[in-house]
Amino acid sequence: MRGAISAPTARVIDVVELLARPGSDRLRYSDIARELDLTLATTHAILKTLSDRGWVSRDPTGKTFTLGPGLAGVAAAVDTRPFAAAARAATIELAAEFGCAASVTERLGDSLVITAFEGGERAWPGDRIPYAPPFGAVFAAWDTAKERRAWIERAAASTAPLAERIDQTLNRIRDRGFDVDCTSPALGQAASLLGTLGTGAIALPSNIRETLDQLIGEFMTAGFPHADSGEPQTVAAITTPVLDARGHAVLLLSVHPLVELPAERIDAIGAHLLRTTAAITGSSGTQGFR
C-alpha cells in the first residue's frame, strides 16, 4: 500500500512488537521509552491506551509490561489465514525431524517477515528483511513477470548483465522446485548491509553503485550450489514455496541445517519440503502449480 504513513500508529506498533520479543517481559515503561527513543509522556499514553484495551498487562509488583489477553482475538484471526497454522505446525515437525531450525517467511509489501521460527535462536517471529536481491528469491521465482522484474530491478536497475544473471538464477530455482542457500551467516549479514545501502537512502557515487550491484549478483549466485560439483556444501537454508491457486508463493517454508551436506542429502531434504508444502496447499482446498 502506497501513501503517507501514520507516525503515531507506527509508535504504537513499535511498542507492541517490542513487547513481543523474547526476553522483553521485564521492561518498565521507562525502558520502553529508552529502547524506542520515545518521550516518557508518549510512552505512558500508548501504554495506558493499550492497557485499557487489554493488549498490554502491567505487573503491579515489578511494574513491568507484557502483552495482554486482549490480543488473543487478534492472534486467533491471524491463525485463520490460509496456510498460516499448517505452516507453523510444519516448522515444529521439520525442526524435530532434521534436528535444525525451521522457519516460515511471509511477504509484507517491500519486506519479508519471519512469522514462525522453531528449533533455534538465530531469529524470532517478527524479524524483517528487505524484499530485494538476494532476499526473497523464492517469492520472486514464482511471481508474475512484472513483479519479478520489479524485484530484480531493486538490485540491478541500470545493469542489464546483472539483471540477466539474477533472472537465470530465479529460473533455476523454479525448475528445481526449491532454493538452496549456501551463504554463511556472515555473508548473509553482509548482504543485508548491501541491501540497505542499495535502497537509495544514502547517495552513492556511480562507481560505488556499480560495485554494489556486482556484489549483490555474486551473493545471488554464490548462494546457489552447483549440483554437479560433487563436493559437500555448507547449507544455510533450503526453502520451498507454498503456492496459492494462481501458482504464486504466499509463504516460504525453510529448514536451516548450517552444516555441510552432500548433494544427495540436499535433494532429499528439498523433496521432503516439497511434499510438506504440497500437503499444506492441499489442506486449504486449493491447488498451486508451477
C-alpha atoms as a PDB file:
ATOM      1  CA  MET A   1       0.000   0.000   0.000  1.00  0.00           C
ATOM      2  CA  ARG A   2       1.408   3.341  -1.072  1.00  0.00           C
ATOM      3  CA  GLY A   3       0.967   6.738   0.530  1.00  0.00           C
ATOM      4  CA  ALA A   4       1.844   8.578   3.704  1.00  0.00           C
ATOM      5  CA  ILE A   5       2.321   6.628   6.917  1.00  0.00           C
ATOM      6  CA  SER A   6       0.903   7.491  10.327  1.00  0.00           C
ATOM      7  CA  ALA A   7       3.734   8.189  12.762  1.00  0.00           C
ATOM      8  CA  PRO A   8       1.520   7.807  15.877  1.00  0.00           C
ATOM      9  CA  THR A   9       0.297   4.435  14.636  1.00  0.00           C
ATOM     10  CA  ALA A  10       3.858   3.346  13.917  1.00  0.00           C
ATOM     11  CA  ARG A  11       4.859   4.185  17.501  1.00  0.00           C
ATOM     12  CA  VAL A  12       2.033   2.043  18.902  1.00  0.00           C
ATOM     13  CA  ILE A  13       3.043  -0.870  16.686  1.00  0.00           C
ATOM     14  CA  ASP A  14       6.690  -0.422  17.737  1.00  0.00           C
ATOM     15  CA  VAL A  15       5.650  -0.831  21.382  1.00  0.00           C
ATOM     16  CA  VAL A  16       3.633  -3.986  20.664  1.00  0.00           C
ATOM     17  CA  GLU A  17       6.435  -5.506  18.584  1.00  0.00           C
ATOM     18  CA  LEU A  18       9.000  -4.687  21.282  1.00  0.00           C
ATOM     19  CA  LEU A  19       6.909  -6.437  23.944  1.00  0.00           C
ATOM     20  CA  ALA A  20       6.509  -9.430  21.620  1.00  0.00           C
ATOM     21  CA  ARG A  21      10.250 -10.045  21.526  1.00  0.00           C
ATOM     22  CA  PRO A  22      11.632 -12.879  23.653  1.00  0.00           C
ATOM     23  CA  GLY A  23      13.207 -11.552  26.831  1.00  0.00           C
ATOM     24  CA  SER A  24      11.118  -8.366  26.873  1.00  0.00           C
ATOM     25  CA  ASP A  25       9.000  -9.396  29.867  1.00  0.00           C
ATOM     26  CA  ARG A  26      10.995  -7.229  32.300  1.00  0.00           C
ATOM     27  CA  LEU A  27      10.594  -3.871  30.616  1.00  0.00           C
ATOM     28  CA  ARG A  28       9.265  -0.935  32.570  1.00  0.00           C
ATOM     29  CA  TYR A  29       7.746   1.984  30.780  1.00  0.00           C
ATOM     30  CA  SER A  30      10.978   3.982  31.093  1.00  0.00           C
ATOM     31  CA  ASP A  31      12.848   1.053  29.487  1.00  0.00           C
ATOM     32  CA  ILE A  32      10.368   1.026  26.615  1.00  0.00           C
ATOM     33  CA  ALA A  33      10.754   4.765  26.131  1.00  0.00           C
ATOM     34  CA  ARG A  34      14.537   4.457  26.038  1.00  0.00           C
ATOM     35  CA  GLU A  35      14.533   1.437  23.727  1.00  0.00           C
ATOM     36  CA  LEU A  36      12.241   3.107  21.175  1.00  0.00           C
ATOM     37  CA  ASP A  37      13.555   6.659  21.662  1.00  0.00           C
ATOM     38  CA  LEU A  38      10.142   7.934  22.749  1.00  0.00           C
ATOM     39  CA  THR A  39       9.326  10.605  25.303  1.00  0.00           C
ATOM     40  CA  LEU A  40       8.039   9.373  28.658  1.00  0.00           C
ATOM     41  CA  ALA A  41       4.745  11.161  28.068  1.00  0.00           C
ATOM     42  CA  THR A  42       4.210   9.478  24.692  1.00  0.00           C
ATOM     43  CA  THR A  43       5.152   6.077  26.080  1.00  0.00           C
ATOM     44  CA  HIS A  44       2.819   6.495  29.039  1.00  0.00           C
ATOM     45  CA  ALA A  45      -0.089   7.467  26.777  1.00  0.00           C
ATOM     46  CA  ILE A  46       0.484   4.484  24.472  1.00  0.00           C
ATOM     47  CA  LEU A  47       0.776   2.010  27.346  1.00  0.00           C
ATOM     48  CA  LYS A  48      -2.305   3.458  29.049  1.00  0.00           C
ATOM     49  CA  THR A  49      -4.383   3.010  25.891  1.00  0.00           C
ATOM     50  CA  LEU A  50      -3.057  -0.493  25.254  1.00  0.00           C
ATOM     51  CA  SER A  51      -3.703  -1.442  28.872  1.00  0.00           C
ATOM     52  CA  ASP A  52      -7.273  -0.161  28.714  1.00  0.00           C
ATOM     53  CA  ARG A  53      -7.870  -2.355  25.651  1.00  0.00           C
ATOM     54  CA  GLY A  54      -6.240  -5.367  27.268  1.00  0.00           C
ATOM     55  CA  TRP A  55      -3.441  -5.507  24.723  1.00  0.00           C
ATOM     56  CA  VAL A  56      -0.874  -4.887  27.453  1.00  0.00           C
ATOM     57  CA  SER A  57      -0.758  -6.035  31.076  1.00  0.00           C
ATOM     58  CA  ARG A  58       1.212  -4.377  33.887  1.00  0.00           C
ATOM     59  CA  ASP A  59       2.720  -6.311  36.757  1.00  0.00           C
ATOM     60  CA  PRO A  60       1.904  -4.207  39.847  1.00  0.00           C
ATOM     61  CA  THR A  61       4.842  -5.665  41.768  1.00  0.00           C
ATOM     62  CA  GLY A  62       7.633  -5.375  39.254  1.00  0.00           C
ATOM     63  CA  LYS A  63       5.964  -2.545  37.319  1.00  0.00           C
ATOM     64  CA  THR A  64       6.843  -4.308  34.085  1.00  0.00           C
ATOM     65  CA  PHE A  65       4.719  -4.695  30.974  1.00  0.00           C
ATOM     66  CA  THR A  66       3.802  -7.756  28.911  1.00  0.00           C
ATOM     67  CA  LEU A  67       1.360  -8.424  26.092  1.00  0.00           C
ATOM     68  CA  GLY A  68      -2.158  -8.863  27.434  1.00  0.00           C
ATOM     69  CA  PRO A  69      -5.091 -11.224  26.805  1.00  0.00           C
ATOM     70  CA  GLY A  70      -6.826  -8.655  24.628  1.00  0.00           C
ATOM     71  CA  LEU A  71      -4.522  -9.728  21.805  1.00  0.00           C
ATOM     72  CA  ALA A  72      -5.921 -13.264  21.863  1.00  0.00           C
ATOM     73  CA  GLY A  73      -8.645 -12.343  19.397  1.00  0.00           C
ATOM     74  CA  VAL A  74      -6.111 -10.777  17.060  1.00  0.00           C
ATOM     75  CA  ALA A  75      -3.886 -13.852  17.277  1.00  0.00           C
ATOM     76  CA  ALA A  76      -6.849 -16.123  16.548  1.00  0.00           C
ATOM     77  CA  ALA A  77      -7.714 -14.075  13.474  1.00  0.00           C
ATOM     78  CA  VAL A  78      -4.131 -14.321  12.247  1.00  0.00           C
ATOM     79  CA  ASP A  79      -4.236 -18.100  12.674  1.00  0.00           C
ATOM     80  CA  THR A  80      -7.189 -18.308  10.290  1.00  0.00           C
ATOM     81  CA  ARG A  81      -5.139 -17.003   7.360  1.00  0.00           C
ATOM     82  CA  PRO A  82      -4.801 -19.597   4.616  1.00  0.00           C
ATOM     83  CA  PHE A  83      -1.832 -21.882   5.220  1.00  0.00           C
ATOM     84  CA  ALA A  84      -0.549 -19.991   8.316  1.00  0.00           C
ATOM     85  CA  ALA A  85      -1.436 -22.502  11.027  1.00  0.00           C
ATOM     86  CA  ALA A  86      -0.424 -25.501   8.920  1.00  0.00           C
ATOM     87  CA  ALA A  87       2.917 -23.917   8.012  1.00  0.00           C
ATOM     88  CA  ARG A  88       3.676 -23.072  11.630  1.00  0.00           C
ATOM     89  CA  ALA A  89       2.879 -26.640  12.673  1.00  0.00           C
ATOM     90  CA  ALA A  90       5.145 -27.898   9.901  1.00  0.00           C
ATOM     91  CA  THR A  91       8.120 -25.958  11.306  1.00  0.00           C
ATOM     92  CA  ILE A  92       7.787 -27.862  14.576  1.00  0.00           C
ATOM     93  CA  GLU A  93       7.783 -31.202  12.766  1.00  0.00           C
ATOM     94  CA  LEU A  94      10.636 -30.257  10.443  1.00  0.00           C
ATOM     95  CA  ALA A  95      12.835 -28.959  13.282  1.00  0.00           C
ATOM     96  CA  ALA A  96      12.333 -32.234  15.163  1.00  0.00           C
ATOM     97  CA  GLU A  97      12.887 -34.429  12.104  1.00  0.00           C
ATOM     98  CA  PHE A  98      16.032 -32.771  10.778  1.00  0.00           C
ATOM     99  CA  GLY A  99      17.471 -31.560  14.079  1.00  0.00           C
ATOM    100  CA  CYS A 100      17.854 -27.981  12.937  1.00  0.00           C
ATOM    101  CA  ALA A 101      15.891 -24.751  12.836  1.00  0.00           C
ATOM    102  CA  ALA A 102      12.871 -24.338  10.578  1.00  0.00           C
ATOM    103  CA  SER A 103      11.030 -21.163   9.680  1.00  0.00           C
ATOM    104  CA  VAL A 104       8.098 -19.588   7.879  1.00  0.00           C
ATOM    105  CA  THR A 105       8.597 -16.356   5.936  1.00  0.00           C
ATOM    106  CA  GLU A 106       5.850 -14.170   4.522  1.00  0.00           C
ATOM    107  CA  ARG A 107       5.937 -11.080   2.352  1.00  0.00           C
ATOM    108  CA  LEU A 108       4.604  -7.781   3.651  1.00  0.00           C
ATOM    109  CA  GLY A 109       4.881  -5.106   0.987  1.00  0.00           C
ATOM    110  CA  ASP A 110       8.572  -4.471   0.391  1.00  0.00           C
ATOM    111  CA  SER A 111       9.634  -6.516   3.418  1.00  0.00           C
ATOM    112  CA  LEU A 112       9.953 -10.187   4.302  1.00  0.00           C
ATOM    113  CA  VAL A 113       8.689 -11.129   7.750  1.00  0.00           C
ATOM    114  CA  ILE A 114       9.634 -14.231   9.713  1.00  0.00           C
ATOM    115  CA  THR A 115       6.293 -15.378  11.154  1.00  0.00           C
ATOM    116  CA  ALA A 116       7.434 -18.654  12.742  1.00  0.00           C
ATOM    117  CA  PHE A 117      10.811 -19.980  13.868  1.00  0.00           C
ATOM    118  CA  GLU A 118      11.406 -23.295  15.640  1.00  0.00           C
ATOM    119  CA  GLY A 119      14.485 -25.121  16.830  1.00  0.00           C
ATOM    120  CA  GLY A 120      16.991 -22.297  17.026  1.00  0.00           C
ATOM    121  CA  GLU A 121      17.825 -18.909  18.460  1.00  0.00           C
ATOM    122  CA  ARG A 122      19.014 -17.023  15.376  1.00  0.00           C
ATOM    123  CA  ALA A 123      15.703 -15.297  14.703  1.00  0.00           C
ATOM    124  CA  TRP A 124      12.374 -14.587  16.288  1.00  0.00           C
ATOM    125  CA  PRO A 125       8.939 -14.073  14.750  1.00  0.00           C
ATOM    126  CA  GLY A 126       8.556 -10.507  13.541  1.00  0.00           C
ATOM    127  CA  ASP A 127      12.099 -10.103  12.232  1.00  0.00           C
ATOM    128  CA  ARG A 128      12.071  -8.273   8.904  1.00  0.00           C
ATOM    129  CA  ILE A 129      14.467  -8.049   6.000  1.00  0.00           C
ATOM    130  CA  PRO A 130      14.102  -6.080   2.748  1.00  0.00           C
ATOM    131  CA  TYR A 131      12.381  -7.825  -0.149  1.00  0.00           C
ATOM    132  CA  ALA A 132      15.217  -7.237  -2.572  1.00  0.00           C
ATOM    133  CA  PRO A 133      18.032  -9.370  -4.025  1.00  0.00           C
ATOM    134  CA  PRO A 134      19.390 -11.598  -2.681  1.00  0.00           C
ATOM    135  CA  PHE A 135      16.491 -11.964  -0.211  1.00  0.00           C
ATOM    136  CA  GLY A 136      13.144 -13.453  -1.194  1.00  0.00           C
ATOM    137  CA  ALA A 137      14.301 -15.173  -4.374  1.00  0.00           C
ATOM    138  CA  VAL A 138      11.690 -17.926  -3.999  1.00  0.00           C
ATOM    139  CA  PHE A 139       8.884 -15.369  -3.839  1.00  0.00           C
ATOM    140  CA  ALA A 140      10.235 -13.713  -6.990  1.00  0.00           C
ATOM    141  CA  ALA A 141      10.716 -17.024  -8.810  1.00  0.00           C
ATOM    142  CA  TRP A 142       7.009 -17.821  -8.576  1.00  0.00           C
ATOM    143  CA  ASP A 143       5.719 -14.265  -9.040  1.00  0.00           C
ATOM    144  CA  THR A 144       4.274 -12.580 -12.113  1.00  0.00           C
ATOM    145  CA  ALA A 145       6.695 -11.375 -14.780  1.00  0.00           C
ATOM    146  CA  LYS A 146       6.052  -7.768 -13.767  1.00  0.00           C
ATOM    147  CA  GLU A 147       6.697  -8.365 -10.055  1.00  0.00           C
ATOM    148  CA  ARG A 148       9.765 -10.476 -10.829  1.00  0.00           C
ATOM    149  CA  ARG A 149      11.240  -7.616 -12.868  1.00  0.00           C
ATOM    150  CA  ALA A 150      10.484  -5.150 -10.083  1.00  0.00           C
ATOM    151  CA  TRP A 151      12.307  -7.374  -7.579  1.00  0.00           C
ATOM    152  CA  ILE A 152      15.326  -7.744  -9.863  1.00  0.00           C
ATOM    153  CA  GLU A 153      15.466  -4.010 -10.534  1.00  0.00           C
ATOM    154  CA  ARG A 154      15.838  -3.298  -6.827  1.00  0.00           C
ATOM    155  CA  ALA A 155      19.385  -4.585  -7.246  1.00  0.00           C
ATOM    156  CA  ALA A 156      20.031  -4.102 -10.949  1.00  0.00           C
ATOM    157  CA  ALA A 157      18.137  -1.041 -12.111  1.00  0.00           C
ATOM    158  CA  SER A 158      20.883   0.014 -14.512  1.00  0.00           C
ATOM    159  CA  THR A 159      22.891  -3.170 -15.101  1.00  0.00           C
ATOM    160  CA  ALA A 160      21.458  -5.436 -17.793  1.00  0.00           C
ATOM    161  CA  PRO A 161      24.043  -8.255 -17.411  1.00  0.00           C
ATOM    162  CA  LEU A 162      23.399  -8.457 -13.655  1.00  0.00           C
ATOM    163  CA  ALA A 163      19.637  -8.481 -14.224  1.00  0.00           C
ATOM    164  CA  GLU A 164      20.057 -11.375 -16.647  1.00  0.00           C
ATOM    165  CA  ARG A 165      22.176 -13.332 -14.164  1.00  0.00           C
ATOM    166  CA  ILE A 166      19.601 -12.884 -11.415  1.00  0.00           C
ATOM    167  CA  ASP A 167      16.749 -13.834 -13.758  1.00  0.00           C
ATOM    168  CA  GLN A 168      18.572 -17.038 -14.741  1.00  0.00           C
ATOM    169  CA  THR A 169      19.061 -17.880 -11.066  1.00  0.00           C
ATOM    170  CA  LEU A 170      15.320 -17.484 -10.466  1.00  0.00           C
ATOM    171  CA  ASN A 171      14.604 -19.800 -13.395  1.00  0.00           C
ATOM    172  CA  ARG A 172      16.924 -22.432 -11.932  1.00  0.00           C
ATOM    173  CA  ILE A 173      15.202 -22.182  -8.541  1.00  0.00           C
ATOM    174  CA  ARG A 174      11.783 -22.601 -10.125  1.00  0.00           C
ATOM    175  CA  ASP A 175      12.912 -25.519 -12.292  1.00  0.00           C
ATOM    176  CA  ARG A 176      14.335 -27.291  -9.260  1.00  0.00           C
ATOM    177  CA  GLY A 177      11.283 -26.567  -7.112  1.00  0.00           C
ATOM    178  CA  PHE A 178      13.254 -25.311  -4.122  1.00  0.00           C
ATOM    179  CA  ASP A 179      16.081 -22.931  -3.298  1.00  0.00           C
ATOM    180  CA  VAL A 180      19.371 -23.867  -1.662  1.00  0.00           C
ATOM    181  CA  ASP A 181      21.170 -21.013   0.073  1.00  0.00           C
ATOM    182  CA  CYS A 182      24.837 -21.692   0.738  1.00  0.00           C
ATOM    183  CA  THR A 183      25.786 -18.293   2.077  1.00  0.00           C
ATOM    184  CA  SER A 184      27.317 -18.250   5.544  1.00  0.00           C
ATOM    185  CA  PRO A 185      25.704 -16.221   8.366  1.00  0.00           C
ATOM    186  CA  ALA A 186      28.478 -13.639   7.983  1.00  0.00           C
ATOM    187  CA  LEU A 187      27.829 -13.329   4.255  1.00  0.00           C
ATOM    188  CA  GLY A 188      24.110 -13.055   4.977  1.00  0.00           C
ATOM    189  CA  GLN A 189      24.762 -10.095   7.276  1.00  0.00           C
ATOM    190  CA  ALA A 190      26.970  -8.507   4.636  1.00  0.00           C
ATOM    191  CA  ALA A 191      24.226  -8.979   2.028  1.00  0.00           C
ATOM    192  CA  SER A 192      21.748  -7.305   4.361  1.00  0.00           C
ATOM    193  CA  LEU A 193      24.104  -4.340   4.719  1.00  0.00           C
ATOM    194  CA  LEU A 194      24.471  -4.112   0.948  1.00  0.00           C
ATOM    195  CA  GLY A 195      20.700  -4.191   0.608  1.00  0.00           C
ATOM    196  CA  THR A 196      20.406  -1.271   2.998  1.00  0.00           C
ATOM    197  CA  LEU A 197      22.973   0.717   1.030  1.00  0.00           C
ATOM    198  CA  GLY A 198      21.122  -0.125  -2.168  1.00  0.00           C
ATOM    199  CA  THR A 199      17.829   1.389  -1.057  1.00  0.00           C
ATOM    200  CA  GLY A 200      18.970   4.848  -2.116  1.00  0.00           C
ATOM    201  CA  ALA A 201      18.782   6.293   1.384  1.00  0.00           C
ATOM    202  CA  ILE A 202      22.479   7.107   1.059  1.00  0.00           C
ATOM    203  CA  ALA A 203      23.704   8.805  -2.109  1.00  0.00           C
ATOM    204  CA  LEU A 204      26.466   6.710  -3.664  1.00  0.00           C
ATOM    205  CA  PRO A 205      28.899   7.619  -6.460  1.00  0.00           C
ATOM    206  CA  SER A 206      28.184   5.782  -9.723  1.00  0.00           C
ATOM    207  CA  ASN A 207      31.325   3.631  -9.487  1.00  0.00           C
ATOM    208  CA  ILE A 208      30.393   2.532  -5.945  1.00  0.00           C
ATOM    209  CA  ARG A 209      26.865   1.763  -7.111  1.00  0.00           C
ATOM    210  CA  GLU A 210      28.219  -0.460  -9.895  1.00  0.00           C
ATOM    211  CA  THR A 211      30.400  -2.331  -7.418  1.00  0.00           C
ATOM    212  CA  LEU A 212      27.418  -2.727  -5.096  1.00  0.00           C
ATOM    213  CA  ASP A 213      25.318  -4.220  -7.899  1.00  0.00           C
ATOM    214  CA  GLN A 214      28.108  -6.627  -8.785  1.00  0.00           C
ATOM    215  CA  LEU A 215      28.414  -7.783  -5.184  1.00  0.00           C
ATOM    216  CA  ILE A 216      24.656  -8.385  -4.922  1.00  0.00           C
ATOM    217  CA  GLY A 217      24.891 -10.506  -8.060  1.00  0.00           C
ATOM    218  CA  GLU A 218      27.717 -12.503  -6.515  1.00  0.00           C
ATOM    219  CA  PHE A 219      25.619 -13.136  -3.414  1.00  0.00           C
ATOM    220  CA  MET A 220      22.764 -14.375  -5.614  1.00  0.00           C
ATOM    221  CA  THR A 221      24.889 -16.907  -7.476  1.00  0.00           C
ATOM    222  CA  ALA A 222      27.094 -17.855  -4.513  1.00  0.00           C
ATOM    223  CA  GLY A 223      24.023 -18.960  -2.625  1.00  0.00           C
ATOM    224  CA  PHE A 224      23.055 -21.446  -5.335  1.00  0.00           C
ATOM    225  CA  PRO A 225      25.258 -24.569  -5.221  1.00  0.00           C
ATOM    226  CA  HIS A 226      26.422 -26.432  -8.275  1.00  0.00           C
ATOM    227  CA  ALA A 227      24.775 -29.849  -8.116  1.00  0.00           C
ATOM    228  CA  ASP A 228      27.459 -31.422 -10.299  1.00  0.00           C
ATOM    229  CA  SER A 229      30.411 -30.235  -8.221  1.00  0.00           C
ATOM    230  CA  GLY A 230      30.490 -33.438  -6.173  1.00  0.00           C
ATOM    231  CA  GLU A 231      31.613 -31.505  -3.101  1.00  0.00           C
ATOM    232  CA  PRO A 232      29.575 -31.144   0.110  1.00  0.00           C
ATOM    233  CA  GLN A 233      28.041 -27.712   0.536  1.00  0.00           C
ATOM    234  CA  THR A 234      27.572 -25.758   3.762  1.00  0.00           C
ATOM    235  CA  VAL A 235      23.841 -25.066   3.568  1.00  0.00           C
ATOM    236  CA  ALA A 236      22.285 -22.084   5.335  1.00  0.00           C
ATOM    237  CA  ALA A 237      18.724 -22.759   4.162  1.00  0.00           C
ATOM    238  CA  ILE A 238      16.639 -24.986   1.919  1.00  0.00           C
ATOM    239  CA  THR A 239      13.397 -23.247   1.001  1.00  0.00           C
ATOM    240  CA  THR A 240      10.185 -24.213  -0.770  1.00  0.00           C
ATOM    241  CA  PRO A 241       7.122 -22.085  -1.536  1.00  0.00           C
ATOM    242  CA  VAL A 242       3.533 -22.716  -0.517  1.00  0.00           C
ATOM    243  CA  LEU A 243       1.562 -21.795  -3.639  1.00  0.00           C
ATOM    244  CA  ASP A 244      -1.916 -20.381  -3.975  1.00  0.00           C
ATOM    245  CA  ALA A 245      -4.445 -21.282  -6.684  1.00  0.00           C
ATOM    246  CA  ARG A 246      -2.704 -18.915  -9.116  1.00  0.00           C
ATOM    247  CA  GLY A 247       0.630 -20.612  -8.601  1.00  0.00           C
ATOM    248  CA  HIS A 248       2.146 -17.692  -6.662  1.00  0.00           C
ATOM    249  CA  ALA A 249       4.105 -18.109  -3.439  1.00  0.00           C
ATOM    250  CA  VAL A 250       2.110 -16.983  -0.397  1.00  0.00           C
ATOM    251  CA  LEU A 251       4.712 -18.047   2.152  1.00  0.00           C
ATOM    252  CA  LEU A 252       8.049 -19.829   2.320  1.00  0.00           C
ATOM    253  CA  LEU A 253       8.918 -22.868   4.411  1.00  0.00           C
ATOM    254  CA  SER A 254      12.611 -23.350   5.198  1.00  0.00           C
ATOM    255  CA  VAL A 255      14.970 -25.577   7.133  1.00  0.00           C
ATOM    256  CA  HIS A 256      18.368 -24.244   8.231  1.00  0.00           C
ATOM    257  CA  PRO A 257      20.956 -27.060   8.508  1.00  0.00           C
ATOM    258  CA  LEU A 258      24.020 -24.770   8.857  1.00  0.00           C
ATOM    259  CA  VAL A 259      26.268 -27.781   8.210  1.00  0.00           C
ATOM    260  CA  GLU A 260      27.951 -29.359   5.188  1.00  0.00           C
ATOM    261  CA  LEU A 261      25.619 -31.603   3.197  1.00  0.00           C
ATOM    262  CA  PRO A 262      26.258 -33.776   0.131  1.00  0.00           C
ATOM    263  CA  ALA A 263      24.125 -33.173  -2.950  1.00  0.00           C
ATOM    264  CA  GLU A 264      22.065 -36.298  -2.303  1.00  0.00           C
ATOM    265  CA  ARG A 265      21.100 -35.113   1.166  1.00  0.00           C
ATOM    266  CA  ILE A 266      20.231 -31.629  -0.113  1.00  0.00           C
ATOM    267  CA  ASP A 267      17.955 -33.153  -2.739  1.00  0.00           C
ATOM    268  CA  ALA A 268      16.335 -35.458  -0.167  1.00  0.00           C
ATOM    269  CA  ILE A 269      15.554 -32.561   2.186  1.00  0.00           C
ATOM    270  CA  GLY A 270      14.268 -30.488  -0.724  1.00  0.00           C
ATOM    271  CA  ALA A 271      11.982 -33.319  -1.831  1.00  0.00           C
ATOM    272  CA  HIS A 272      10.681 -33.686   1.717  1.00  0.00           C
ATOM    273  CA  LEU A 273       9.934 -29.968   1.879  1.00  0.00           C
ATOM    274  CA  LEU A 274       8.123 -30.136  -1.462  1.00  0.00           C
ATOM    275  CA  ARG A 275       5.870 -32.891  -0.137  1.00  0.00           C
ATOM    276  CA  THR A 276       5.219 -30.846   3.003  1.00  0.00           C
ATOM    277  CA  THR A 277       4.303 -27.667   1.135  1.00  0.00           C
ATOM    278  CA  ALA A 278       2.133 -29.629  -1.290  1.00  0.00           C
ATOM    279  CA  ALA A 279       0.228 -31.039   1.683  1.00  0.00           C
ATOM    280  CA  ILE A 280      -0.201 -27.535   3.137  1.00  0.00           C
ATOM    281  CA  THR A 281      -1.553 -26.288  -0.193  1.00  0.00           C
ATOM    282  CA  GLY A 282      -3.924 -29.248  -0.423  1.00  0.00           C
ATOM    283  CA  SER A 283      -5.182 -28.722   3.134  1.00  0.00           C
ATOM    284  CA  SER A 284      -6.705 -25.373   2.134  1.00  0.00           C
ATOM    285  CA  GLY A 285      -8.704 -26.819  -0.745  1.00  0.00           C
ATOM    286  CA  THR A 286      -6.640 -25.003  -3.383  1.00  0.00           C
ATOM    287  CA  GLN A 287      -4.054 -26.377  -5.755  1.00  0.00           C
ATOM    288  CA  GLY A 288      -0.926 -24.441  -6.600  1.00  0.00           C
ATOM    289  CA  PHE A 289       1.002 -25.050  -9.780  1.00  0.00           C
ATOM    290  CA  ARG A 290       4.373 -24.213 -11.258  1.00  0.00           C
END
